[in-house]
Structure formats: C-alpha cells, structure tokens
Protein backbone atom coordinates (compact mmCIF):
# COMPACT_ATOMS: atom_id res chain seq x y z
CA UNK A 1 -13.08 10.74 16.37
CA UNK A 2 -12.91 9.41 12.81
CA UNK A 3 -10.77 10.20 9.77
CA UNK A 4 -12.52 10.57 6.40
CA UNK A 5 -10.36 10.74 3.29
CA UNK A 6 -11.90 11.88 0.01
CA UNK A 7 -9.98 11.22 -3.20
CA UNK A 8 -9.82 13.29 -6.37
CA UNK A 9 -12.99 11.85 -7.92
CA UNK A 10 -14.89 12.55 -4.69
CA UNK A 11 -13.96 16.24 -4.98
CA UNK A 12 -13.85 16.48 -8.78
CA UNK A 13 -16.47 19.22 -9.23
CA UNK A 14 -19.23 21.13 -7.42
CA UNK A 15 -21.65 18.20 -7.59
CA UNK A 16 -19.12 15.76 -6.12
CA UNK A 17 -18.07 18.21 -3.40
CA UNK A 18 -21.70 18.88 -2.45
CA UNK A 19 -22.20 15.13 -2.10
CA UNK A 20 -19.01 14.83 -0.04
CA UNK A 21 -20.11 17.59 2.33
CA UNK A 22 -23.44 15.83 2.78
CA UNK A 23 -21.56 12.65 3.77
CA UNK A 24 -19.45 14.59 6.28
CA UNK A 25 -22.54 16.29 7.70
CA UNK A 26 -23.95 12.88 8.58
CA UNK A 27 -20.87 12.09 10.70
CA UNK A 28 -20.50 15.27 12.75
CA UNK A 29 -21.33 13.48 16.00
CA UNK A 30 -18.13 11.49 15.52
CA UNK A 31 -15.87 14.57 15.18
CA UNK A 32 -14.55 13.91 11.65
CA UNK A 33 -11.10 14.86 10.45
CA UNK A 34 -11.59 15.36 6.71
CA UNK A 35 -8.54 14.67 4.50
CA UNK A 36 -8.90 15.77 0.88
CA UNK A 37 -6.94 15.18 -2.29
CA UNK A 38 -6.48 17.67 -5.10
CA UNK A 39 -9.37 17.95 -7.56
CA UNK A 40 -9.42 15.15 -10.12
CA UNK A 41 -6.56 15.54 -12.69
CA UNK A 42 -5.09 18.62 -10.96
CA UNK A 43 -1.98 16.80 -9.72
CA UNK A 44 -1.37 15.63 -13.31
CA UNK A 45 -1.63 19.27 -14.40
CA UNK A 46 0.88 20.33 -11.74
CA UNK A 47 3.33 17.65 -12.91
CA UNK A 48 3.02 19.08 -16.43
CA UNK A 49 3.66 22.58 -15.10
CA UNK A 50 6.79 21.33 -13.32
CA UNK A 51 8.06 19.56 -16.44
CA UNK A 52 7.45 22.58 -18.67
CA UNK A 53 9.20 24.83 -16.16
CA UNK A 54 12.22 22.51 -16.17
CA UNK A 55 12.26 22.82 -19.98
CA UNK A 56 12.14 26.62 -19.65
CA UNK A 57 8.89 26.70 -21.60
CA UNK A 58 7.55 29.84 -19.96
CA UNK A 59 4.70 30.36 -22.42
CA UNK A 60 3.29 26.88 -21.84
CA UNK A 61 3.58 27.15 -18.05
CA UNK A 62 1.59 30.40 -18.20
CA UNK A 63 -1.19 28.68 -20.16
CA UNK A 64 -1.32 25.76 -17.71
CA UNK A 65 -1.18 28.02 -14.66
CA UNK A 66 -4.08 30.07 -16.05
CA UNK A 67 -6.07 26.83 -16.45
CA UNK A 68 -5.30 25.91 -12.85
CA UNK A 69 -6.47 29.26 -11.51
CA UNK A 70 -9.58 29.36 -13.70
CA UNK A 71 -10.73 25.89 -12.70
CA UNK A 72 -10.53 26.60 -8.99
CA UNK A 73 -11.98 30.10 -9.18
CA UNK A 74 -14.87 28.79 -11.28
CA UNK A 75 -15.48 26.01 -8.76
CA UNK A 76 -15.50 28.48 -5.86
CA UNK A 77 -18.14 30.60 -7.59
CA UNK A 78 -20.27 27.51 -8.34
CA UNK A 79 -20.19 26.29 -4.75
CA UNK A 80 -20.43 29.63 -2.97
CA UNK A 81 -22.58 31.83 -5.20
CA UNK A 82 -25.09 32.33 -2.39
CA UNK A 83 -22.40 33.19 0.16
CA UNK A 84 -20.51 36.26 -1.10
CA UNK A 85 -18.22 36.63 1.94
CA UNK A 86 -17.12 32.97 1.84
CA UNK A 87 -16.78 33.13 -1.96
CA UNK A 88 -14.52 36.16 -1.62
CA UNK A 89 -12.50 34.37 1.07
CA UNK A 90 -12.04 31.26 -1.11
CA UNK A 91 -11.12 33.30 -4.19
CA UNK A 92 -8.61 35.34 -2.20
CA UNK A 93 -6.93 32.14 -1.02
CA UNK A 94 -6.91 30.73 -4.56
CA UNK A 95 -5.29 33.92 -5.85
CA UNK A 96 -2.70 33.90 -3.06
CA UNK A 97 -1.74 30.26 -3.72
CA UNK A 98 -1.68 30.71 -7.50
CA UNK A 99 0.28 34.00 -7.32
CA UNK A 100 2.94 32.36 -5.17
CA UNK A 101 3.03 29.30 -7.43
CA UNK A 102 3.37 31.44 -10.56
CA UNK A 103 6.29 33.31 -9.02
CA UNK A 104 7.98 30.04 -8.01
CA UNK A 105 7.43 28.45 -11.43
CA UNK A 106 8.78 31.57 -13.10
CA UNK A 107 11.98 31.24 -11.07
CA UNK A 108 12.33 27.58 -12.08
CA UNK A 109 11.83 28.58 -15.74
CA UNK A 110 14.57 31.19 -15.45
CA UNK A 111 17.03 28.71 -13.96
CA UNK A 112 15.96 25.80 -16.17
CA UNK A 113 16.63 23.32 -13.40
CA UNK A 114 14.02 21.42 -11.38
CA UNK A 115 15.26 19.90 -8.13
CA UNK A 116 13.22 17.28 -6.27
CA UNK A 117 12.52 19.89 -3.61
CA UNK A 118 11.19 22.37 -6.17
CA UNK A 119 9.04 19.70 -7.77
CA UNK A 120 7.56 18.82 -4.37
CA UNK A 121 6.67 22.48 -3.83
CA UNK A 122 4.88 22.67 -7.20
CA UNK A 123 2.93 19.40 -7.14
CA UNK A 124 1.69 19.90 -3.58
CA UNK A 125 -0.40 22.96 -4.43
CA UNK A 126 -3.44 21.00 -5.60
CA UNK A 127 -4.35 19.90 -2.10
CA UNK A 128 -4.08 23.45 -0.73
CA UNK A 129 -6.37 24.78 -3.45
CA UNK A 130 -9.00 22.07 -2.97
CA UNK A 131 -8.94 22.11 0.84
CA UNK A 132 -9.43 25.88 1.06
CA UNK A 133 -12.41 25.79 -1.31
CA UNK A 134 -13.99 22.80 0.43
CA UNK A 135 -13.41 24.37 3.85
CA UNK A 136 -15.39 27.44 2.78
CA UNK A 137 -18.08 25.22 1.21
CA UNK A 138 -18.41 23.25 4.46
CA UNK A 139 -18.86 26.50 6.36
CA UNK A 140 -21.46 27.61 3.81
CA UNK A 141 -23.39 24.39 4.43
CA UNK A 142 -23.55 25.17 8.13
CA UNK A 143 -20.64 23.00 9.36
CA UNK A 144 -18.33 24.81 11.78
CA UNK A 145 -14.99 23.83 10.24
CA UNK A 146 -11.42 24.20 11.40
CA UNK A 147 -8.48 24.17 8.97
CA UNK A 148 -5.08 22.47 9.43
CA UNK A 149 -2.00 22.70 7.21
CA UNK A 150 -0.94 19.04 6.90
CA UNK A 151 2.71 20.02 6.71
CA UNK A 152 2.54 20.91 10.39
CA UNK A 153 1.48 17.30 11.16
CA UNK A 154 3.06 14.89 8.65
CA UNK A 155 6.81 14.98 9.24
CA UNK A 156 9.12 13.09 6.87
CA UNK A 157 12.75 12.70 5.96
CA UNK A 158 14.24 14.79 3.14
CA UNK A 159 13.31 12.44 0.31
CA UNK A 160 11.25 15.24 -1.18
CA UNK A 161 9.12 13.28 -3.67
CA UNK A 162 8.48 10.22 -1.54
CA UNK A 163 8.98 11.25 2.04
CA UNK A 164 9.38 8.61 4.72
CA UNK A 165 7.16 9.63 7.66
CA UNK A 166 8.52 9.89 11.19
CA UNK A 167 5.70 8.02 12.95
CA UNK A 168 6.91 8.80 16.46
CA UNK A 169 7.09 12.54 15.81
CA UNK A 170 3.72 12.48 14.03
CA UNK A 171 2.12 10.76 17.03
CA UNK A 172 3.71 13.37 19.29
CA UNK A 173 2.57 16.39 17.25
CA UNK A 174 -0.83 15.60 15.81
CA UNK A 175 -3.12 15.25 18.86
CA UNK A 176 -2.45 18.78 20.10
CA UNK A 177 -2.75 20.30 16.62
CA UNK A 178 -6.06 18.52 15.98
CA UNK A 179 -7.41 19.39 19.43
CA UNK A 180 -6.66 23.08 18.89
CA UNK A 181 -8.27 23.03 15.42
CA UNK A 182 -11.44 21.46 16.86
CA UNK A 183 -11.86 24.24 19.42
CA UNK A 184 -15.40 25.48 18.81
CA UNK A 185 -15.68 23.45 15.59
CA UNK A 186 -17.65 20.40 14.46
CA UNK A 187 -15.11 19.13 11.89
CA UNK A 188 -11.63 19.92 10.68
CA UNK A 189 -10.21 19.70 7.19
CA UNK A 190 -6.64 19.07 6.05
CA UNK A 191 -4.72 17.86 3.03
CA UNK A 192 -3.53 14.47 1.94
CA UNK A 193 -0.27 13.81 0.06
CA UNK A 194 1.66 16.86 1.34
CA UNK A 195 4.17 16.75 4.18
CA UNK A 196 7.35 18.45 5.38
CA UNK A 197 10.72 17.77 6.96
CA UNK A 198 11.28 18.55 10.62
CA UNK A 199 12.76 21.89 9.51
CA UNK A 200 9.67 22.70 7.45
CA UNK A 201 10.94 21.98 3.94
CA UNK A 202 8.03 20.80 1.74
CA UNK A 203 7.88 17.13 0.80
CA UNK A 204 5.17 14.82 -0.55
CA UNK A 205 4.30 11.20 0.21
CA UNK A 206 4.31 10.04 -3.41
CA UNK A 207 1.49 9.33 -5.84
CA UNK A 208 -1.70 8.25 -4.09
CA UNK A 209 -0.27 9.34 -0.74
CA UNK A 210 -3.51 10.87 0.55
CA UNK A 211 -4.62 7.44 1.82
CA UNK A 212 -1.33 7.23 3.71
CA UNK A 213 -1.87 10.70 5.20
CA UNK A 214 -5.29 9.66 6.48
CA UNK A 215 -3.91 6.50 8.06
CA UNK A 216 -1.04 8.36 9.75
CA UNK A 217 -3.44 10.94 11.19
CA UNK A 218 -5.82 8.19 12.29
CA UNK A 219 -2.97 6.43 14.06
CA UNK A 220 -1.88 9.61 15.82
CA UNK A 221 -5.33 10.45 17.19
CA UNK A 222 -6.35 6.85 17.96
CA UNK A 223 -9.28 7.20 15.57
CA UNK A 224 -12.27 4.94 15.95
CA UNK A 225 -11.99 4.17 12.24
CA UNK A 226 -10.53 5.44 8.99
CA UNK A 227 -12.84 5.87 6.00
CA UNK A 228 -11.36 5.95 2.49
CA UNK A 229 -13.99 7.44 0.18
CA UNK A 230 -13.42 6.72 -3.49
CA UNK A 231 -15.47 6.06 -6.64
CA UNK A 232 -15.94 2.28 -6.36
CA UNK A 233 -18.04 0.13 -4.04
CA UNK A 234 -15.19 -1.09 -1.87
CA UNK A 235 -12.42 -3.56 -2.70
CA UNK A 236 -13.32 -5.98 -5.49
CA UNK A 237 -12.20 -9.49 -6.42
CA UNK A 238 -10.32 -8.04 -9.41
CA UNK A 239 -9.93 -4.79 -11.30
CA UNK A 240 -13.33 -4.26 -12.98
CA UNK A 241 -11.56 -2.51 -15.85
CA UNK A 242 -9.93 -5.85 -16.73
CA UNK A 243 -12.49 -8.39 -15.50
CA UNK A 244 -16.25 -8.73 -15.78
CA UNK A 245 -18.42 -10.09 -12.98
CA UNK A 246 -16.16 -8.98 -10.15
CA UNK A 247 -17.58 -8.96 -6.62
CA UNK A 248 -17.33 -6.46 -3.83
CA UNK A 249 -15.54 -8.04 -0.85
CA UNK A 250 -17.42 -7.50 2.40
CA UNK A 251 -14.37 -7.72 4.65
CA UNK A 252 -10.69 -8.58 4.43
CA UNK A 253 -7.79 -8.70 6.84
CA UNK A 254 -5.11 -6.04 7.17
CA UNK A 255 -2.62 -8.55 5.74
CA UNK A 256 -4.76 -9.32 2.70
CA UNK A 257 -5.39 -5.62 2.04
CA UNK A 258 -1.67 -4.87 2.29
CA UNK A 259 -0.88 -7.63 -0.20
CA UNK A 260 -3.59 -6.44 -2.59
CA UNK A 261 -2.34 -2.86 -2.48
CA UNK A 262 1.29 -3.87 -2.85
CA UNK A 263 0.59 -6.26 -5.70
CA UNK A 264 -1.34 -3.86 -7.85
CA UNK A 265 -4.86 -3.21 -6.51
CA UNK A 266 -5.64 0.47 -7.14
CA UNK A 267 -8.15 1.09 -4.35
CA UNK A 268 -5.61 1.70 -1.57
CA UNK A 269 -2.13 3.17 -1.40
CA UNK A 270 0.26 0.29 -0.48
CA UNK A 271 1.49 2.01 2.69
CA UNK A 272 -1.98 2.83 4.06
CA UNK A 273 -2.32 -0.31 6.15
CA UNK A 274 0.72 -0.15 8.44
CA UNK A 275 -0.23 2.87 10.61
CA UNK A 276 -3.74 1.48 11.10
CA UNK A 277 -2.38 -1.94 12.05
CA UNK A 278 -0.19 -0.36 14.73
CA UNK A 279 -3.32 0.81 16.56
CA UNK A 280 -5.73 -1.86 15.25
CA UNK A 281 -7.91 0.82 13.63
CA UNK A 282 -10.49 -0.53 11.15
CA UNK A 283 -10.36 0.90 7.62
CA UNK A 284 -13.49 1.16 5.49
CA UNK A 285 -13.31 1.60 1.72
CA UNK A 286 -16.50 3.36 0.62
CA UNK A 287 -18.04 4.89 -2.51
CA UNK A 288 -18.85 8.61 -2.31
CA UNK A 289 -21.17 8.17 -5.30
CA UNK A 290 -23.08 5.48 -3.40
CA UNK A 291 -22.85 6.58 0.24
CA UNK A 292 -25.50 4.10 1.35
CA UNK A 293 -23.33 1.16 0.25
CA UNK A 294 -21.54 -0.98 2.84
CA UNK A 295 -18.18 -0.98 1.03
CA UNK A 296 -15.33 -3.12 2.36
CA UNK A 297 -14.16 -3.37 5.97
CA UNK A 298 -10.46 -4.02 6.61
CA UNK A 299 -10.12 -5.68 10.00
CA UNK A 300 -7.95 -7.87 12.23
CA UNK A 301 -7.30 -11.31 10.76
CA UNK A 302 -9.30 -13.04 13.53
CA UNK A 303 -12.51 -11.56 12.07
CA UNK A 304 -11.79 -12.84 8.56
CA UNK A 305 -12.59 -16.24 7.06
CA UNK A 306 -10.01 -18.27 5.15
CA UNK A 307 -10.24 -18.21 1.37
CA UNK A 308 -9.29 -16.46 -1.84
CA UNK A 309 -10.22 -12.77 -1.86
CA UNK A 310 -8.83 -11.32 -5.08
CA UNK A 311 -6.71 -11.57 -8.20
CA UNK A 312 -4.38 -8.56 -8.39
CA UNK A 313 -1.70 -7.66 -10.89
CA UNK A 314 1.18 -5.37 -11.74
CA UNK A 315 1.03 -4.69 -15.44
CA UNK A 316 4.59 -3.60 -16.24
CA UNK A 317 7.52 -5.21 -14.45
CA UNK A 318 11.10 -6.32 -15.06
CA UNK A 319 12.36 -9.78 -14.17
CA UNK A 320 16.02 -9.58 -13.22
CA UNK A 321 17.88 -12.92 -13.37
CA UNK A 322 21.22 -13.03 -11.57
CA UNK A 323 23.46 -16.06 -12.17
CA UNK A 324 26.81 -16.73 -10.53
CA UNK A 325 28.62 -19.88 -9.48
CA UNK A 326 30.20 -17.74 -6.74
CA UNK A 327 27.00 -17.96 -4.71
CA UNK A 328 27.22 -21.74 -4.33
CA UNK A 329 28.08 -22.59 -0.71
CA UNK A 330 29.00 -18.95 -0.10
CA UNK A 331 27.65 -16.99 2.83
CA UNK A 332 26.97 -13.30 2.36
CA UNK A 333 26.18 -13.47 -1.37
CA UNK A 334 22.49 -12.64 -0.98
CA UNK A 335 23.36 -9.83 1.42
CA UNK A 336 25.68 -8.32 -1.18
CA UNK A 337 23.04 -8.55 -3.91
CA UNK A 338 20.28 -6.93 -1.92
CA UNK A 339 22.54 -4.21 -0.54
CA UNK A 340 22.98 -3.13 -4.16
CA UNK A 341 19.21 -2.90 -4.62
CA UNK A 342 18.96 -0.92 -1.38
CA UNK A 343 21.77 1.49 -2.27
CA UNK A 344 20.07 2.22 -5.60
CA UNK A 345 16.65 2.64 -3.93
CA UNK A 346 15.10 -0.11 -6.07
CA UNK A 347 12.41 -2.09 -4.27
CA UNK A 348 11.90 -5.79 -5.02
CA UNK A 349 8.55 -7.58 -5.17
CA UNK A 350 9.07 -11.29 -5.79
CA UNK A 351 12.20 -13.32 -5.08
CA UNK A 352 13.09 -16.84 -6.20
CA UNK A 353 16.46 -18.50 -5.57
CA UNK A 354 18.24 -21.68 -6.53
CA UNK A 355 21.79 -22.96 -6.09
CA UNK A 356 23.37 -20.45 -8.46
CA UNK A 357 20.54 -18.18 -9.54
CA UNK A 358 18.45 -15.39 -8.04
CA UNK A 359 15.40 -14.07 -9.86
CA UNK A 360 13.56 -10.95 -8.70
CA UNK A 361 10.78 -8.76 -10.03
CA UNK A 362 10.76 -4.97 -9.81
CA UNK A 363 8.28 -2.39 -11.00
CA UNK A 364 9.30 -1.09 -14.44
CA UNK A 365 8.86 2.51 -13.30
CA UNK A 366 12.11 2.18 -11.33
CA UNK A 367 15.54 2.98 -12.79
CA UNK A 368 17.50 -0.27 -12.61
CA UNK A 369 20.61 0.80 -14.57
CA UNK A 370 22.69 1.23 -11.42
CA UNK A 371 21.62 -2.14 -10.04
CA UNK A 372 22.37 -3.98 -13.28
CA UNK A 373 25.74 -2.28 -13.60
CA UNK A 374 26.86 -3.20 -10.09
CA UNK A 375 25.56 -6.78 -10.27
CA UNK A 376 27.27 -7.31 -13.62
CA UNK A 377 30.64 -6.81 -11.93
CA UNK A 378 30.39 -10.28 -10.34
CA UNK A 379 27.43 -12.07 -11.97
CA UNK A 380 25.69 -12.66 -15.28
CA UNK A 381 22.57 -10.51 -15.36
CA UNK A 382 19.64 -10.84 -17.75
CA UNK A 383 16.69 -8.45 -17.64
CA UNK A 384 13.36 -9.55 -19.10
CA UNK A 385 11.06 -6.62 -19.86
CA UNK A 386 7.39 -6.40 -20.91
CA UNK A 387 6.36 -8.81 -18.19
CA UNK A 388 3.40 -8.73 -15.81
CA UNK A 389 2.88 -10.13 -12.35
CA UNK A 390 -0.37 -11.80 -11.27
CA UNK A 391 -1.14 -12.46 -7.60
CA UNK A 392 -3.86 -14.64 -6.07
CA UNK A 393 -4.47 -13.24 -2.59
CA UNK A 394 -6.37 -14.60 0.41
CA UNK A 395 -6.11 -15.87 3.96
CA UNK A 396 -4.45 -19.26 4.55
CA UNK A 397 -4.76 -20.07 0.86
CA UNK A 398 -2.22 -22.88 1.21
CA UNK A 399 -4.94 -24.85 3.02
CA UNK A 400 -7.41 -24.67 0.12
CA UNK A 401 -7.61 -27.98 -1.71
CA UNK A 402 -7.07 -27.65 -5.43
CA UNK A 403 -6.10 -23.99 -5.37
CA UNK A 404 -2.92 -24.45 -7.40
CA UNK A 405 -4.78 -26.58 -9.93
CA UNK A 406 -7.51 -23.97 -10.25
CA UNK A 407 -5.02 -21.13 -10.51
CA UNK A 408 -2.87 -22.68 -13.20
CA UNK A 409 -5.49 -24.76 -15.06
CA UNK A 410 -6.39 -21.93 -17.44
CA UNK A 411 -2.70 -21.25 -18.13
CA UNK A 412 -1.76 -24.49 -19.86
CA UNK A 413 -0.75 -22.68 -23.04
CA UNK A 414 0.78 -19.69 -21.29
CA UNK A 415 4.49 -19.27 -20.60
CA UNK A 416 5.14 -18.71 -16.88
CA UNK A 417 8.51 -17.17 -16.07
CA UNK A 418 8.50 -17.28 -12.28
CA UNK A 419 6.32 -18.50 -9.41
CA UNK A 420 6.52 -17.29 -5.81
CA UNK A 421 4.51 -18.07 -2.69
CA UNK A 422 4.76 -15.93 0.42
CA UNK A 423 5.62 -17.66 3.67
CA UNK A 424 2.60 -15.94 5.23
CA UNK A 425 0.30 -18.02 2.97
CA UNK A 426 -1.43 -14.83 1.86
CA UNK A 427 -0.43 -14.83 -1.80
CA UNK A 428 0.68 -16.94 -4.73
CA UNK A 429 2.24 -14.88 -7.51
CA UNK A 430 3.52 -15.65 -10.98
CA UNK A 431 4.95 -13.80 -13.96
CA UNK A 432 3.62 -13.87 -17.53
CA UNK A 433 4.13 -11.89 -20.73
CA UNK A 434 2.50 -8.50 -20.58
CA UNK A 435 0.72 -9.18 -23.88
CA UNK A 436 -1.41 -11.94 -22.31
CA UNK A 437 -2.10 -10.28 -18.93
CA UNK A 438 -5.71 -9.33 -19.54
CA UNK A 439 -6.66 -12.80 -20.69
CA UNK A 440 -4.76 -14.47 -17.84
CA UNK A 441 -6.42 -12.32 -15.15
CA UNK A 442 -9.87 -12.94 -16.61
CA UNK A 443 -9.35 -16.69 -16.83
CA UNK A 444 -7.87 -17.07 -13.34
CA UNK A 445 -10.66 -14.95 -11.83
CA UNK A 446 -13.26 -17.08 -13.63
CA UNK A 447 -11.81 -20.36 -12.37
CA UNK A 448 -11.41 -19.17 -8.80
CA UNK A 449 -14.64 -17.26 -8.26
CA UNK A 450 -17.10 -19.40 -10.17
CA UNK A 451 -16.23 -22.35 -7.92
CA UNK A 452 -17.52 -21.47 -4.46
CA UNK A 453 -15.35 -24.13 -2.80
CA UNK A 454 -12.41 -21.76 -3.06
CA UNK A 455 -14.12 -18.97 -1.14
C-alpha cells in the first residue's frame, strides 16, 4: 500500500487532474491511497469568504461563493462530459457542499463574528469539493475508487485552525477505515488538510497541511512509501525563484528534510517528516508535470552521504533580544523565559545565549505582543524587525573543511545579527537584513555549490 498526495497545482484544472489520474492508474497494483488538496487558489478564496463574512459583507460573500460553485461545476462538466451519470453525481455533491456552505456563511454574516471553529468549517470545503470531483473522474477513467472522509481518520485537539493530531488514535482508527473503503476497489481517495476532534468538531491542520495528512495516513497503514506530488522536480539546493542554477537533490535524510522544511523550504510541510520517521517510511517528492522524473527520495540517514544539501531561508522574521543581569548565575531563568513563549503559543527557531542576554528568532507571522509584554516585566527587550534567516543545511556539515569560510566569504560587507549552529550538525543559520536576502542567498549558494569539495 502506498500514499500519494497531490497538491493544488496537481489538481488545478481538468488537464492537471487528467494527468494525475494517469499517474494513479500506473500505481494500482500497489493499492494507492490518494490524498488531494483543494484546487489551486481555492483555499485562498475560502479565506476571503470567511473574512468577508466576518465583516458582514453579505454581497461580496455571495459573489465569491458563486465563483466557487461555478469553478467546480465547470470543472466537473469538463472532466465528465462523456459520463452523464457521474457528471450528475459530481454536480449534485458540489451543489450540496456549496448550499451548506452558503447557509453557514450567511449565518456568520448575520452574527458578524467569526470564531476559529467557524473559520475551520469554511476553509475546509475546498478539499471536499475537489475530492468528490476527482473521485468521479477516477471512476470515469475506469478506476474502481472508494471514498473516505478524512475527518473520520485524522483526529486532533480543539485548536481548530492548527490541530495537533492524536497519533495513537489515528493509528488505531485508520487501518480499519481504509480496509473497508478498499473493499472491491482498486484505489481510495481522501482529503488533505481537514481533520476533526474526537467529538467530530471540524478542525484543519494549518496551511500546507495536506502533506502532513498524507504522512499521518502513511504511518497508520504502514505504507511502503509516501509520494508527495507537486509542481517541481523534487527538493532543490535552493528556491529556484530566488536562485539560478539550482540542482535537484537525488536523496536526503529525514533530518535534513525536516530542517529544510522548518527553515523555509516550500516543497514540504514542516511536520510531514515526523510520522514517516516513526515507521521509517520513505518519502518521495515528485513532479506531476514530469511524472517520469526521479524526484527526491527522503530516507534514513545511513543511506545519505555527508555534505551540504541546500540553502534555505525564512524571509520575514523578528529577532527578539532579551537582556537582564538577573539571569547571571541564576537557575530557572531560561525556563521562565521559554514558558512565556509557550503560554503565548509563539514558536522559536534560533536561540543564542550569553551571560546576560538571550536572542531568539520567531516567524513574523506570529503575534509577539504578549511575549514582549511579559518579558518586559523583568528584562530589557528589543525587537528587530525586517530581518531574514538563512540556513545552510546538510549532513555532518561540521566535518566539512572550509565550510564556514565558504558560507561567510561572500558576506564580508553584510551585517550579520545572529549566528546559530544546531548540535545535530545539520544546519548553520544566520540572520541578515531582509533587504539583502536575495543577494545573500544567491551568493552563498554560488560559493557552496560551485565548489564540489563541499558536496
């Protein structure tokens, strides 16, 4: 059994979906579980609908909801024009989902208040629309296809917009659900991103969470492998939107992939790796627009050579500097500081400490007002904004002669605010002004990957 996840660009339109179904058809002997995202840009549209509903802008929500319905109905007719019964089935499901959504959005408009739970209900509809259409299209292509509602499998806590999965309960539930769905079928289809509490209240896994869904399902069924189908030829040595002459990486370790995802690489959701690691399930990142390509294999570290694999970055971060003489020779000070971050649900990336100073980086999308307020009660706090974080990632990079020289050689005229090296020897990270990020990433990539001794 394998898990195949197809992202929004892989199901963007009838051409992309036809290509995706062809890919699935070639894997039927391996009993694929197909996990699909919403159509490209649909989740963005649903966020807009939610925001307009919260603002009580009923007229605008009606326009956006009509766009949502029209796009999916049009797609169903394109894919299923030669199969009237399946086309009618898909359109009936689209109408049912959209009717219910319109009623729900109307209620939110009337109240003028959008709770996290209500937002999760709204933004999760994209995956149900896409999966029902693709299910019918798979049947039309001759694939006997079972359908699973992912909310019956992916159980989370009640953090509605970024649910924390209950891995033990997922492992307990999923095998029987999948087995039943496969009865008499060649493949099954389900949704990424969406989930539910143990009592059935809708939640979502957060932006990009479809990768995470696939990995959790793969873990639960002991999949032979997990395939993440996207629109790029695997994991690259840097973001090709920032850097020319990037390379596709043939294989990387779970640890390297986790660092890349966490420190800014866009190919994988940062939490994708952990469930696969638990069962040692290989992950393959593949290009649905180039299905013959080899992509990137993510494997156990023992299969991976030492060396630099990529230059990743986070474009918009805060650097929080905390100074207090009270921390000198005082036990428990760090515990107090990081309890404040935890209580305010602010996650920290890099940490650097000295005798009386702690510096940390956090993603600028997080609200740090509560953290700064609490810390300021007993320390001097300075927040530097408009900063970027660059990370050089690889296996045992501490053992590479001249790596630090090569990394920092092109940065002689660049102000560096913070440097951090992980104890696992998987990354070296540093902070620069956001205004120079593009140039820094290009220069570091050039120095590291034009000299083969580093690879």
